[in-house]
PDB file of N, CA and C in Angstrom:
ATOM      1  N   MET A   1     -31.924 100.351   3.901  1.00  0.00           N
ATOM      2  CA  MET A   1     -32.182  98.934   4.116  1.00  0.00           C
ATOM      3  C   MET A   1     -33.556  98.796   4.774  1.00  0.00           C
ATOM      4  N   ASN A   2     -34.379  97.885   4.260  1.00  0.00           N
ATOM      5  CA  ASN A   2     -35.727  97.741   4.812  1.00  0.00           C
ATOM      6  C   ASN A   2     -35.731  96.796   6.023  1.00  0.00           C
ATOM      7  N   ASN A   3     -36.871  96.748   6.698  1.00  0.00           N
ATOM      8  CA  ASN A   3     -36.981  95.949   7.930  1.00  0.00           C
ATOM      9  C   ASN A   3     -36.725  94.469   7.696  1.00  0.00           C
ATOM     10  N   ASP A   4     -37.176  93.943   6.570  1.00  0.00           N
ATOM     11  CA  ASP A   4     -36.948  92.519   6.292  1.00  0.00           C
ATOM     12  C   ASP A   4     -35.459  92.205   6.235  1.00  0.00           C
ATOM     13  N   GLU A   5     -34.701  93.088   5.577  1.00  0.00           N
ATOM     14  CA  GLU A   5     -33.252  92.879   5.483  1.00  0.00           C
ATOM     15  C   GLU A   5     -32.578  93.022   6.843  1.00  0.00           C
ATOM     16  N   ILE A   6     -33.040  93.986   7.623  1.00  0.00           N
ATOM     17  CA  ILE A   6     -32.503  94.177   8.975  1.00  0.00           C
ATOM     18  C   ILE A   6     -32.750  92.926   9.801  1.00  0.00           C
ATOM     19  N   PHE A   7     -33.979  92.427   9.798  1.00  0.00           N
ATOM     20  CA  PHE A   7     -34.314  91.260  10.612  1.00  0.00           C
ATOM     21  C   PHE A   7     -33.611  90.005  10.128  1.00  0.00           C
ATOM     22  N   GLU A   8     -33.358  89.925   8.828  1.00  0.00           N
ATOM     23  CA  GLU A   8     -32.588  88.803   8.304  1.00  0.00           C
ATOM     24  C   GLU A   8     -31.168  88.821   8.879  1.00  0.00           C
ATOM     25  N   LEU A   9     -30.563  90.005   8.941  1.00  0.00           N
ATOM     26  CA  LEU A   9     -29.219  90.135   9.516  1.00  0.00           C
ATOM     27  C   LEU A   9     -29.224  89.877  11.020  1.00  0.00           C
ATOM     28  N   VAL A  10     -30.253  90.360  11.706  1.00  0.00           N
ATOM     29  CA  VAL A  10     -30.363  90.113  13.150  1.00  0.00           C
ATOM     30  C   VAL A  10     -30.414  88.612  13.408  1.00  0.00           C
ATOM     31  N   GLY A  11     -31.228  87.906  12.644  1.00  0.00           N
ATOM     32  CA  GLY A  11     -31.325  86.455  12.785  1.00  0.00           C
ATOM     33  C   GLY A  11     -30.010  85.767  12.487  1.00  0.00           C
ATOM     34  N   TYR A  12     -29.315  86.250  11.465  1.00  0.00           N
ATOM     35  CA  TYR A  12     -28.017  85.687  11.098  1.00  0.00           C
ATOM     36  C   TYR A  12     -27.008  85.846  12.242  1.00  0.00           C
ATOM     37  N   ILE A  13     -26.980  87.014  12.841  1.00  0.00           N
ATOM     38  CA  ILE A  13     -26.060  87.264  13.953  1.00  0.00           C
ATOM     39  C   ILE A  13     -26.455  86.416  15.162  1.00  0.00           C
ATOM     40  N   MET A  14     -27.733  86.380  15.474  1.00  0.00           N
ATOM     41  CA  MET A  14     -28.198  85.646  16.656  1.00  0.00           C
ATOM     42  C   MET A  14     -28.015  84.136  16.514  1.00  0.00           C
ATOM     43  N   ALA A  15     -27.904  83.649  15.292  1.00  0.00           N
ATOM     44  CA  ALA A  15     -27.726  82.215  15.061  1.00  0.00           C
ATOM     45  C   ALA A  15     -26.332  81.737  15.474  1.00  0.00           C
ATOM     46  N   SER A  16     -25.418  82.667  15.695  1.00  0.00           N
ATOM     47  CA  SER A  16     -24.057  82.306  16.085  1.00  0.00           C
ATOM     48  C   SER A  16     -23.646  83.049  17.348  1.00  0.00           C
ATOM     49  N   ASP A  17     -23.302  82.296  18.370  1.00  0.00           N
ATOM     50  CA  ASP A  17     -22.831  82.892  19.613  1.00  0.00           C
ATOM     51  C   ASP A  17     -21.576  83.720  19.362  1.00  0.00           C
ATOM     52  N   TYR A  18     -20.683  83.225  18.517  1.00  0.00           N
ATOM     53  CA  TYR A  18     -19.439  83.951  18.213  1.00  0.00           C
ATOM     54  C   TYR A  18     -19.740  85.297  17.565  1.00  0.00           C
ATOM     55  N   ARG A  19     -20.612  85.309  16.549  1.00  0.00           N
ATOM     56  CA  ARG A  19     -20.945  86.564  15.870  1.00  0.00           C
ATOM     57  C   ARG A  19     -21.571  87.553  16.839  1.00  0.00           C
ATOM     58  N   THR A  20     -22.484  87.063  17.662  1.00  0.00           N
ATOM     59  CA  THR A  20     -23.160  87.923  18.633  1.00  0.00           C
ATOM     60  C   THR A  20     -22.164  88.515  19.610  1.00  0.00           C
ATOM     61  N   ARG A  21     -21.320  87.673  20.189  1.00  0.00           N
ATOM     62  CA  ARG A  21     -20.360  88.131  21.198  1.00  0.00           C
ATOM     63  C   ARG A  21     -19.344  89.110  20.621  1.00  0.00           C
ATOM     64  N   ILE A  22     -18.883  88.858  19.400  1.00  0.00           N
ATOM     65  CA  ILE A  22     -17.879  89.734  18.792  1.00  0.00           C
ATOM     66  C   ILE A  22     -18.484  91.091  18.452  1.00  0.00           C
ATOM     67  N   LEU A  23     -19.660  91.101  17.869  1.00  0.00           N
ATOM     68  CA  LEU A  23     -20.303  92.368  17.533  1.00  0.00           C
ATOM     69  C   LEU A  23     -20.587  93.184  18.793  1.00  0.00           C
ATOM     70  N   LYS A  24     -21.069  92.535  19.848  1.00  0.00           N
ATOM     71  CA  LYS A  24     -21.322  93.226  21.111  1.00  0.00           C
ATOM     72  C   LYS A  24     -20.021  93.732  21.724  1.00  0.00           C
ATOM     73  N   CYS A  25     -18.968  92.950  21.617  1.00  0.00           N
ATOM     74  CA  CYS A  25     -17.680  93.325  22.183  1.00  0.00           C
ATOM     75  C   CYS A  25     -17.136  94.600  21.542  1.00  0.00           C
ATOM     76  N   ILE A  26     -17.240  94.702  20.235  1.00  0.00           N
ATOM     77  CA  ILE A  26     -16.740  95.900  19.558  1.00  0.00           C
ATOM     78  C   ILE A  26     -17.632  97.093  19.893  1.00  0.00           C
ATOM     79  N   GLY A  27     -18.936  96.904  19.787  1.00  0.00           N
ATOM     80  CA  GLY A  27     -19.877  97.978  20.127  1.00  0.00           C
ATOM     81  C   GLY A  27     -19.509  99.289  19.449  1.00  0.00           C
ATOM     82  N   ASN A  28     -19.346 100.344  20.233  1.00  0.00           N
ATOM     83  CA  ASN A  28     -18.989 101.668  19.714  1.00  0.00           C
ATOM     84  C   ASN A  28     -17.486 101.919  19.734  1.00  0.00           C
ATOM     85  N   ASP A  29     -16.709 100.911  20.092  1.00  0.00           N
ATOM     86  CA  ASP A  29     -15.268 101.064  20.221  1.00  0.00           C
ATOM     87  C   ASP A  29     -14.548 100.710  18.927  1.00  0.00           C
ATOM     88  N   ILE A  30     -13.250 100.871  18.961  1.00  0.00           N
ATOM     89  CA  ILE A  30     -12.353 100.410  17.900  1.00  0.00           C
ATOM     90  C   ILE A  30     -11.426  99.403  18.568  1.00  0.00           C
ATOM     91  N   LYS A  31     -11.379  98.187  18.023  1.00  0.00           N
ATOM     92  CA  LYS A  31     -10.615  97.126  18.685  1.00  0.00           C
ATOM     93  C   LYS A  31      -9.816  96.296  17.696  1.00  0.00           C
ATOM     94  N   VAL A  32      -8.732  95.709  18.201  1.00  0.00           N
ATOM     95  CA  VAL A  32      -7.932  94.762  17.426  1.00  0.00           C
ATOM     96  C   VAL A  32      -8.423  93.352  17.753  1.00  0.00           C
ATOM     97  N   PRO A  33      -8.263  92.412  16.830  1.00  0.00           N
ATOM     98  CA  PRO A  33      -8.749  91.045  17.057  1.00  0.00           C
ATOM     99  C   PRO A  33      -8.221  90.402  18.348  1.00  0.00           C
ATOM    100  N   SER A  34      -6.963  90.656  18.685  1.00  0.00           N
ATOM    101  CA  SER A  34      -6.407  90.037  19.900  1.00  0.00           C
ATOM    102  C   SER A  34      -7.106  90.539  21.161  1.00  0.00           C
ATOM    103  N   ALA A  35      -7.475  91.816  21.191  1.00  0.00           N
ATOM    104  CA  ALA A  35      -8.198  92.364  22.348  1.00  0.00           C
ATOM    105  C   ALA A  35      -9.600  91.767  22.437  1.00  0.00           C
ATOM    106  N   ILE A  36     -10.250  91.594  21.293  1.00  0.00           N
ATOM    107  CA  ILE A  36     -11.578  90.978  21.269  1.00  0.00           C
ATOM    108  C   ILE A  36     -11.480  89.543  21.775  1.00  0.00           C
ATOM    109  N   ALA A  37     -10.489  88.810  21.268  1.00  0.00           N
ATOM    110  CA  ALA A  37     -10.298  87.410  21.661  1.00  0.00           C
ATOM    111  C   ALA A  37     -10.081  87.292  23.164  1.00  0.00           C
ATOM    112  N   GLU A  38      -9.288  88.177  23.711  1.00  0.00           N
ATOM    113  CA  GLU A  38      -9.008  88.138  25.150  1.00  0.00           C
ATOM    114  C   GLU A  38     -10.261  88.465  25.958  1.00  0.00           C
ATOM    115  N   GLU A  39     -11.003  89.478  25.532  1.00  0.00           N
ATOM    116  CA  GLU A  39     -12.200  89.908  26.269  1.00  0.00           C
ATOM    117  C   GLU A  39     -13.279  88.838  26.326  1.00  0.00           C
ATOM    118  N   ILE A  40     -13.473  88.129  25.215  1.00  0.00           N
ATOM    119  CA  ILE A  40     -14.579  87.164  25.188  1.00  0.00           C
ATOM    120  C   ILE A  40     -14.095  85.715  25.214  1.00  0.00           C
ATOM    121  N   ASP A  41     -12.808  85.535  25.474  1.00  0.00           N
ATOM    122  CA  ASP A  41     -12.218  84.213  25.667  1.00  0.00           C
ATOM    123  C   ASP A  41     -12.415  83.294  24.457  1.00  0.00           C
ATOM    124  N   LEU A  42     -11.957  83.785  23.304  1.00  0.00           N
ATOM    125  CA  LEU A  42     -11.959  82.998  22.074  1.00  0.00           C
ATOM    126  C   LEU A  42     -10.558  83.022  21.484  1.00  0.00           C
ATOM    127  N   ARG A  43     -10.272  82.074  20.624  1.00  0.00           N
ATOM    128  CA  ARG A  43      -8.996  82.082  19.922  1.00  0.00           C
ATOM    129  C   ARG A  43      -9.000  83.213  18.893  1.00  0.00           C
ATOM    130  N   THR A  44      -7.846  83.816  18.711  1.00  0.00           N
ATOM    131  CA  THR A  44      -7.727  84.931  17.780  1.00  0.00           C
ATOM    132  C   THR A  44      -8.097  84.527  16.352  1.00  0.00           C
ATOM    133  N   ASN A  45      -7.748  83.295  15.954  1.00  0.00           N
ATOM    134  CA  ASN A  45      -8.082  82.884  14.589  1.00  0.00           C
ATOM    135  C   ASN A  45      -9.599  82.780  14.391  1.00  0.00           C
ATOM    136  N   HIS A  46     -10.337  82.365  15.435  1.00  0.00           N
ATOM    137  CA  HIS A  46     -11.803  82.333  15.344  1.00  0.00           C
ATOM    138  C   HIS A  46     -12.347  83.759  15.199  1.00  0.00           C
ATOM    139  N   VAL A  47     -11.799  84.660  15.995  1.00  0.00           N
ATOM    140  CA  VAL A  47     -12.232  86.063  15.939  1.00  0.00           C
ATOM    141  C   VAL A  47     -11.966  86.633  14.547  1.00  0.00           C
ATOM    142  N   SER A  48     -10.790  86.366  14.008  1.00  0.00           N
ATOM    143  CA  SER A  48     -10.438  86.884  12.678  1.00  0.00           C
ATOM    144  C   SER A  48     -11.376  86.354  11.599  1.00  0.00           C
ATOM    145  N   ASN A  49     -11.723  85.082  11.679  1.00  0.00           N
ATOM    146  CA  ASN A  49     -12.652  84.492  10.702  1.00  0.00           C
ATOM    147  C   ASN A  49     -14.031  85.141  10.780  1.00  0.00           C
ATOM    148  N   VAL A  50     -14.511  85.345  12.001  1.00  0.00           N
ATOM    149  CA  VAL A  50     -15.832  85.963  12.180  1.00  0.00           C
ATOM    150  C   VAL A  50     -15.793  87.424  11.734  1.00  0.00           C
ATOM    151  N   LEU A  51     -14.703  88.133  12.028  1.00  0.00           N
ATOM    152  CA  LEU A  51     -14.585  89.523  11.602  1.00  0.00           C
ATOM    153  C   LEU A  51     -14.632  89.634  10.082  1.00  0.00           C
ATOM    154  N   LYS A  52     -14.001  88.706   9.390  1.00  0.00           N
ATOM    155  CA  LYS A  52     -14.041  88.709   7.922  1.00  0.00           C
ATOM    156  C   LYS A  52     -15.489  88.550   7.449  1.00  0.00           C
ATOM    157  N   ASP A  53     -16.207  87.635   8.076  1.00  0.00           N
ATOM    158  CA  ASP A  53     -17.603  87.396   7.738  1.00  0.00           C
ATOM    159  C   ASP A  53     -18.454  88.645   8.011  1.00  0.00           C
ATOM    160  N   LEU A  54     -18.251  89.260   9.168  1.00  0.00           N
ATOM    161  CA  LEU A  54     -19.005  90.468   9.518  1.00  0.00           C
ATOM    162  C   LEU A  54     -18.657  91.619   8.571  1.00  0.00           C
ATOM    163  N   LYS A  55     -17.394  91.685   8.173  1.00  0.00           N
ATOM    164  CA  LYS A  55     -16.958  92.721   7.229  1.00  0.00           C
ATOM    165  C   LYS A  55     -17.616  92.514   5.863  1.00  0.00           C
ATOM    166  N   ASP A  56     -17.699  91.265   5.427  1.00  0.00           N
ATOM    167  CA  ASP A  56     -18.342  90.957   4.143  1.00  0.00           C
ATOM    168  C   ASP A  56     -19.813  91.363   4.127  1.00  0.00           C
ATOM    169  N   ARG A  57     -20.439  91.387   5.289  1.00  0.00           N
ATOM    170  CA  ARG A  57     -21.855  91.757   5.395  1.00  0.00           C
ATOM    171  C   ARG A  57     -22.038  93.218   5.800  1.00  0.00           C
ATOM    172  N   ASN A  58     -20.938  93.978   5.751  1.00  0.00           N
ATOM    173  CA  ASN A  58     -20.959  95.424   6.038  1.00  0.00           C
ATOM    174  C   ASN A  58     -21.401  95.737   7.471  1.00  0.00           C
ATOM    175  N   LEU A  59     -21.061  94.863   8.418  1.00  0.00           N
ATOM    176  CA  LEU A  59     -21.404  95.104   9.823  1.00  0.00           C
ATOM    177  C   LEU A  59     -20.231  95.676  10.600  1.00  0.00           C
ATOM    178  N   VAL A  60     -19.018  95.376  10.152  1.00  0.00           N
ATOM    179  CA  VAL A  60     -17.813  95.990  10.714  1.00  0.00           C
ATOM    180  C   VAL A  60     -16.932  96.441   9.552  1.00  0.00           C
ATOM    181  N   VAL A  61     -16.020  97.347   9.854  1.00  0.00           N
ATOM    182  CA  VAL A  61     -15.075  97.835   8.854  1.00  0.00           C
ATOM    183  C   VAL A  61     -13.676  97.823   9.473  1.00  0.00           C
ATOM    184  N   CYS A  62     -12.696  97.456   8.646  1.00  0.00           N
ATOM    185  CA  CYS A  62     -11.301  97.507   9.076  1.00  0.00           C
ATOM    186  C   CYS A  62     -10.772  98.886   8.704  1.00  0.00           C
ATOM    187  N   LEU A  63     -10.237  99.589   9.692  1.00  0.00           N
ATOM    188  CA  LEU A  63      -9.792 100.966   9.478  1.00  0.00           C
ATOM    189  C   LEU A  63      -8.398 101.058   8.862  1.00  0.00           C
ATOM    190  N   ASN A  64      -7.613 100.000   8.999  1.00  0.00           N
ATOM    191  CA  ASN A  64      -6.251  99.997   8.446  1.00  0.00           C
ATOM    192  C   ASN A  64      -6.005  98.669   7.733  1.00  0.00           C
ATOM    193  N   GLU A  65      -6.678  98.485   6.645  1.00  0.00           N
ATOM    194  CA  GLU A  65      -6.707  97.228   5.892  1.00  0.00           C
ATOM    195  C   GLU A  65      -5.322  96.714   5.494  1.00  0.00           C
ATOM    196  N   ASN A  66      -4.378  97.597   5.244  1.00  0.00           N
ATOM    197  CA  ASN A  66      -3.064  97.180   4.775  1.00  0.00           C
ATOM    198  C   ASN A  66      -2.133  96.696   5.885  1.00  0.00           C
ATOM    199  N   ALA A  67      -2.502  96.887   7.130  1.00  0.00           N
ATOM    200  CA  ALA A  67      -1.670  96.434   8.250  1.00  0.00           C
ATOM    201  C   ALA A  67      -1.731  94.917   8.366  1.00  0.00           C
ATOM    202  N   ARG A  68      -0.574  94.304   8.567  1.00  0.00           N
ATOM    203  CA  ARG A  68      -0.562  92.856   8.777  1.00  0.00           C
ATOM    204  C   ARG A  68      -0.896  92.523  10.232  1.00  0.00           C
ATOM    205  N   LYS A  69      -0.448  93.367  11.135  1.00  0.00           N
ATOM    206  CA  LYS A  69      -0.749  93.193  12.559  1.00  0.00           C
ATOM    207  C   LYS A  69      -1.386  94.467  13.076  1.00  0.00           C
ATOM    208  N   GLY A  70      -2.192  94.315  14.090  1.00  0.00           N
ATOM    209  CA  GLY A  70      -2.818  95.484  14.699  1.00  0.00           C
ATOM    210  C   GLY A  70      -3.933  96.097  13.867  1.00  0.00           C
ATOM    211  N   ARG A  71      -4.651  95.250  13.144  1.00  0.00           N
ATOM    212  CA  ARG A  71      -5.789  95.770  12.372  1.00  0.00           C
ATOM    213  C   ARG A  71      -6.865  96.278  13.328  1.00  0.00           C
ATOM    214  N   LEU A  72      -7.401  97.433  13.011  1.00  0.00           N
ATOM    215  CA  LEU A  72      -8.416  98.066  13.845  1.00  0.00           C
ATOM    216  C   LEU A  72      -9.794  97.871  13.227  1.00  0.00           C
ATOM    217  N   TYR A  73     -10.718  97.377  14.045  1.00  0.00           N
ATOM    218  CA  TYR A  73     -12.081  97.137  13.563  1.00  0.00           C
ATOM    219  C   TYR A  73     -13.067  98.014  14.314  1.00  0.00           C
ATOM    220  N   LYS A  74     -14.038  98.484  13.559  1.00  0.00           N
ATOM    221  CA  LYS A  74     -15.084  99.359  14.095  1.00  0.00           C
ATOM    222  C   LYS A  74     -16.420  98.884  13.534  1.00  0.00           C
ATOM    223  N   THR A  75     -17.464  98.996  14.325  1.00  0.00           N
ATOM    224  CA  THR A  75     -18.811  98.633  13.882  1.00  0.00           C
ATOM    225  C   THR A  75     -19.352  99.719  12.944  1.00  0.00           C
ATOM    226  N   THR A  76     -19.948  99.305  11.841  1.00  0.00           N
ATOM    227  CA  THR A  76     -20.552 100.264  10.898  1.00  0.00           C
ATOM    228  C   THR A  76     -21.902 100.741  11.456  1.00  0.00           C
ATOM    229  N   ASP A  77     -22.482 101.715  10.771  1.00  0.00           N
ATOM    230  CA  ASP A  77     -23.816 102.189  11.168  1.00  0.00           C
ATOM    231  C   ASP A  77     -24.829 101.049  11.096  1.00  0.00           C
ATOM    232  N   LEU A  78     -24.705 100.211  10.076  1.00  0.00           N
ATOM    233  CA  LEU A  78     -25.598  99.051   9.960  1.00  0.00           C
ATOM    234  C   LEU A  78     -25.379  98.094  11.127  1.00  0.00           C
ATOM    235  N   GLY A  79     -24.122  97.865  11.479  1.00  0.00           N
ATOM    236  CA  GLY A  79     -23.808  97.004  12.618  1.00  0.00           C
ATOM    237  C   GLY A  79     -24.375  97.552  13.916  1.00  0.00           C
ATOM    238  N   LEU A  80     -24.300  98.863  14.089  1.00  0.00           N
ATOM    239  CA  LEU A  80     -24.866  99.490  15.292  1.00  0.00           C
ATOM    240  C   LEU A  80     -26.385  99.353  15.317  1.00  0.00           C
ATOM    241  N   GLU A  81     -27.002  99.430  14.140  1.00  0.00           N
ATOM    242  CA  GLU A  81     -28.457  99.227  14.041  1.00  0.00           C
ATOM    243  C   GLU A  81     -28.821  97.800  14.466  1.00  0.00           C
ATOM    244  N   ILE A  82     -28.042  96.834  14.013  1.00  0.00           N
ATOM    245  CA  ILE A  82     -28.275  95.436  14.369  1.00  0.00           C
ATOM    246  C   ILE A  82     -28.086  95.237  15.874  1.00  0.00           C
ATOM    247  N   LEU A  83     -27.078  95.897  16.443  1.00  0.00           N
ATOM    248  CA  LEU A  83     -26.802  95.774  17.877  1.00  0.00           C
ATOM    249  C   LEU A  83     -27.994  96.179  18.741  1.00  0.00           C
ATOM    250  N   LYS A  84     -28.791  97.116  18.275  1.00  0.00           N
ATOM    251  CA  LYS A  84     -29.972  97.554  19.038  1.00  0.00           C
ATOM    252  C   LYS A  84     -30.913  96.382  19.333  1.00  0.00           C
ATOM    253  N   TYR A  85     -30.936  95.418  18.423  1.00  0.00           N
ATOM    254  CA  TYR A  85     -31.829  94.263  18.581  1.00  0.00           C
ATOM    255  C   TYR A  85     -31.203  93.145  19.400  1.00  0.00           C
ATOM    256  N   LEU A  86     -29.927  93.247  19.706  1.00  0.00           N
ATOM    257  CA  LEU A  86     -29.227  92.172  20.397  1.00  0.00           C
ATOM    258  C   LEU A  86     -29.137  92.354  21.903  1.00  0.00           C
ATOM    259  N   HIS A  87     -29.590  93.499  22.410  1.00  0.00           N
ATOM    260  CA  HIS A  87     -29.475  93.750  23.851  1.00  0.00           C
ATOM    261  C   HIS A  87     -30.679  93.297  24.627  1.00  0.00           C
TER     262      HIS A  87
END
Protein backbone atom coordinates (compact mmCIF):
# COMPACT_ATOMS: atom_id res chain seq x y z
CA MET A 1 0.00 0.00 0.00
CA ASN A 2 1.45 3.39 -0.95
CA ASN A 3 1.62 6.51 1.22
CA ASP A 4 -1.37 8.16 -0.45
CA GLU A 5 -3.56 5.18 0.42
CA ILE A 6 -2.21 5.07 3.97
CA PHE A 7 -2.89 8.78 4.50
CA GLU A 8 -6.36 8.42 3.01
CA LEU A 9 -7.13 5.74 5.62
CA VAL A 10 -5.57 7.81 8.41
CA GLY A 11 -7.82 10.72 7.45
CA TYR A 12 -10.83 8.43 7.30
CA ILE A 13 -10.16 7.11 10.80
CA MET A 14 -9.41 10.56 12.23
CA ALA A 15 -12.67 11.93 10.79
CA SER A 16 -14.60 9.80 13.29
CA ASP A 17 -14.06 9.86 17.03
CA TYR A 18 -15.69 6.41 17.27
CA ARG A 19 -13.36 4.86 14.67
CA THR A 20 -10.32 6.42 16.30
CA ARG A 21 -11.26 5.34 19.82
CA ILE A 22 -12.16 1.78 18.80
CA LEU A 23 -8.99 1.21 16.79
CA LYS A 24 -6.86 2.60 19.63
CA CYS A 25 -8.77 0.50 22.16
CA ILE A 26 -8.04 -2.75 20.35
CA GLY A 27 -4.41 -1.83 19.64
CA ASN A 28 -2.29 -4.99 19.87
CA ASP A 29 -4.90 -6.89 21.88
CA ILE A 30 -7.74 -9.22 20.99
CA LYS A 31 -11.09 -7.94 22.24
CA VAL A 32 -14.82 -8.62 22.11
CA PRO A 33 -17.20 -5.77 21.21
CA SER A 34 -18.71 -5.64 24.71
CA ALA A 35 -15.27 -5.11 26.30
CA ILE A 36 -14.50 -2.34 23.80
CA ALA A 37 -17.87 -0.71 24.49
CA GLU A 38 -17.27 -0.80 28.23
CA GLU A 39 -13.71 0.56 27.98
CA ILE A 40 -14.58 3.56 25.83
CA ASP A 41 -18.13 4.10 27.10
CA LEU A 42 -20.07 3.44 23.89
CA ARG A 43 -23.09 1.31 23.16
CA THR A 44 -22.25 -2.17 21.94
CA ASN A 45 -24.34 -1.73 18.78
CA HIS A 46 -22.28 1.37 17.85
CA VAL A 47 -19.07 -0.58 18.42
CA SER A 48 -20.34 -3.47 16.29
CA ASN A 49 -21.26 -1.14 13.42
CA VAL A 50 -17.84 0.54 13.49
CA LEU A 51 -16.07 -2.84 13.71
CA LYS A 52 -17.91 -3.98 10.57
CA ASP A 53 -16.75 -0.81 8.81
CA LEU A 54 -13.15 -1.26 10.00
CA LYS A 55 -13.27 -4.92 8.94
CA ASP A 56 -14.49 -3.94 5.46
CA ARG A 57 -11.43 -1.69 5.14
CA ASN A 58 -9.07 -4.46 6.32
CA LEU A 59 -8.12 -2.61 9.52
CA VAL A 60 -9.44 -5.26 11.91
CA VAL A 61 -10.19 -8.95 11.51
CA CYS A 62 -12.70 -11.16 13.30
CA LEU A 63 -10.93 -14.29 14.51
CA ASN A 64 -14.08 -16.38 15.03
CA GLU A 65 -16.49 -15.17 12.37
CA ASN A 66 -19.04 -17.95 12.91
CA ALA A 67 -19.61 -17.15 16.60
CA ARG A 68 -22.86 -15.35 17.34
CA LYS A 69 -21.58 -14.10 20.69
CA GLY A 70 -18.07 -13.46 21.87
CA ARG A 71 -16.59 -12.51 18.52
CA LEU A 72 -12.90 -11.74 18.87
CA TYR A 73 -11.41 -8.80 16.99
CA LYS A 74 -7.77 -8.08 16.32
CA THR A 75 -6.08 -5.20 14.50
CA THR A 76 -4.51 -6.18 11.16
CA ASP A 77 -0.99 -5.18 10.13
CA LEU A 78 -2.55 -2.37 8.09
CA GLY A 79 -4.54 -1.26 11.13
CA LEU A 80 -1.38 -1.24 13.24
CA GLU A 81 0.33 0.88 10.56
CA ILE A 82 -2.56 3.36 10.71
CA LEU A 83 -2.36 3.41 14.53
CA LYS A 84 1.20 4.76 14.33
CA TYR A 85 -0.24 7.99 12.93
CA LEU A 86 -2.97 8.29 15.56
CA HIS A 87 -0.80 8.65 18.66
